[in-house]
Amino acid sequence: MIALISPAYADGGAPADAGIFNLVLLVGFVIIFYFLMWRPQAKRTKEHKNLLASLAKGTEVVTSGGVLGKVTKVDDNYVVLDVAENIEMKFQKSAVAAVLPKGTLKSI
């Protein structure tokens, strides 16, 4: 079995610069992970947080479930939407997905 091992590997093991290559490769993966996954997600989270902070009475919104409505009351954790005439529904603020332009509900 020992006869099958190349003398180059039997002398000193792995080359000295293999550790540096592995470190550079690891750092490269971390940088790619940061720019392709972590940073865009943090940006979307910040935009959604700003959207929720800007909710006010009269704003037309769509929820993550697809319900369209006009905000009638805003609380710390909840928002009340007028989804039809005399029909109000209470949602968590985090369920609001987007703000619609004014007049969208009348045009639908």
Protein backbone atom coordinates (compact mmCIF):
# COMPACT_ATOMS: atom_id res chain seq x y z
CA MET A 1 0.00 0.00 0.00
CA ILE A 2 2.86 2.37 0.82
CA ALA A 3 4.28 1.83 -2.64
CA LEU A 4 1.17 3.47 -4.16
CA ILE A 5 1.71 6.80 -2.36
CA SER A 6 3.58 9.35 -4.43
CA PRO A 7 6.88 10.52 -2.91
CA ALA A 8 5.75 14.16 -3.26
CA TYR A 9 2.85 13.59 -0.85
CA ALA A 10 4.82 11.36 1.47
CA ASP A 11 7.44 14.03 2.19
CA GLY A 12 5.56 16.94 3.67
CA GLY A 13 1.81 16.57 3.25
CA ALA A 14 -0.19 19.33 1.60
CA PRO A 15 1.53 22.30 -0.01
CA ALA A 16 1.95 25.38 2.21
CA ASP A 17 -0.21 27.67 0.06
CA ALA A 18 -3.25 25.34 0.20
CA GLY A 19 -4.28 26.90 3.52
CA ILE A 20 -4.16 30.39 2.04
CA PHE A 21 -6.21 29.24 -0.96
CA ASN A 22 -8.85 27.76 1.35
CA LEU A 23 -9.00 30.98 3.36
CA VAL A 24 -9.41 33.10 0.22
CA LEU A 25 -12.12 30.74 -1.01
CA LEU A 26 -13.98 30.98 2.30
CA VAL A 27 -13.77 34.78 2.32
CA GLY A 28 -15.01 34.81 -1.28
CA PHE A 29 -18.07 32.74 -0.36
CA VAL A 30 -18.85 35.03 2.57
CA ILE A 31 -18.67 38.10 0.32
CA ILE A 32 -20.90 36.47 -2.31
CA PHE A 33 -23.39 35.41 0.40
CA TYR A 34 -23.47 38.98 1.76
CA PHE A 35 -24.07 40.74 -1.57
CA LEU A 36 -26.49 38.21 -3.09
CA MET A 37 -28.59 37.21 -0.09
CA TRP A 38 -28.15 39.13 3.14
CA ARG A 39 -27.93 42.74 1.88
CA PRO A 40 -31.01 42.63 -0.43
CA GLN A 41 -33.10 40.99 2.31
CA ALA A 42 -32.07 43.64 4.83
CA LYS A 43 -32.98 46.33 2.30
CA ARG A 44 -36.45 44.83 1.73
CA THR A 45 -37.00 44.56 5.49
CA LYS A 46 -36.06 48.21 5.99
CA GLU A 47 -38.40 49.33 3.18
CA HIS A 48 -41.29 47.29 4.66
CA LYS A 49 -40.65 48.77 8.11
CA ASN A 50 -40.77 52.30 6.62
CA LEU A 51 -44.00 51.41 4.77
CA LEU A 52 -45.64 50.26 8.01
CA ALA A 53 -44.50 53.41 9.82
CA SER A 54 -46.04 55.61 7.11
CA LEU A 55 -49.53 54.08 7.34
CA ALA A 56 -52.21 56.66 8.09
CA LYS A 57 -55.97 56.94 7.95
CA GLY A 58 -57.23 57.03 4.35
CA THR A 59 -54.28 55.13 2.85
CA GLU A 60 -55.28 52.44 0.34
CA VAL A 61 -53.37 49.20 0.87
CA VAL A 62 -53.22 45.56 -0.15
CA THR A 63 -52.48 42.82 2.38
CA SER A 64 -50.25 39.81 1.89
CA GLY A 65 -53.45 37.75 1.50
CA GLY A 66 -54.63 39.92 -1.39
CA VAL A 67 -57.32 41.89 0.46
CA LEU A 68 -57.68 45.48 -0.75
CA GLY A 69 -58.90 48.15 1.62
CA LYS A 70 -58.69 51.68 2.96
CA VAL A 71 -57.13 52.24 6.37
CA THR A 72 -59.66 53.55 8.90
CA LYS A 73 -57.68 53.08 12.11
CA VAL A 74 -53.99 52.48 12.88
CA ASP A 75 -52.84 50.99 16.18
CA ASP A 76 -49.36 49.97 17.35
CA ASN A 77 -49.74 46.38 16.14
CA TYR A 78 -53.00 46.38 14.18
CA VAL A 79 -54.65 48.21 11.33
CA VAL A 80 -58.37 48.33 10.54
CA LEU A 81 -59.28 48.25 6.84
CA ASP A 82 -62.56 49.22 5.25
CA VAL A 83 -62.84 46.48 2.61
CA ALA A 84 -66.42 47.17 1.50
CA GLU A 85 -69.28 49.44 2.46
CA ASN A 86 -69.86 49.04 6.23
CA ILE A 87 -67.41 46.11 6.41
CA GLU A 88 -64.22 46.59 8.40
CA MET A 89 -61.57 43.98 9.05
CA LYS A 90 -58.72 44.06 11.55
CA PHE A 91 -55.25 42.95 10.38
CA GLN A 92 -51.81 42.85 11.88
CA LYS A 93 -49.68 45.68 10.56
CA SER A 94 -47.13 43.21 9.24
CA ALA A 95 -49.79 41.76 6.91
CA VAL A 96 -49.83 44.97 4.85
CA ALA A 97 -47.83 44.23 1.71
CA ALA A 98 -48.04 47.45 -0.31
CA VAL A 99 -49.57 50.89 -0.47
CA LEU A 100 -51.77 51.55 -3.50
CA PRO A 101 -52.08 54.86 -5.38
CA LYS A 102 -55.05 57.03 -4.40
CA GLY A 103 -58.24 56.13 -6.24
CA THR A 104 -57.29 52.51 -6.95
CA LEU A 105 -60.21 51.11 -4.98
CA LYS A 106 -62.75 53.23 -6.87
CA SER A 107 -61.38 52.12 -10.23
CA ILE A 108 -61.71 48.41 -9.41
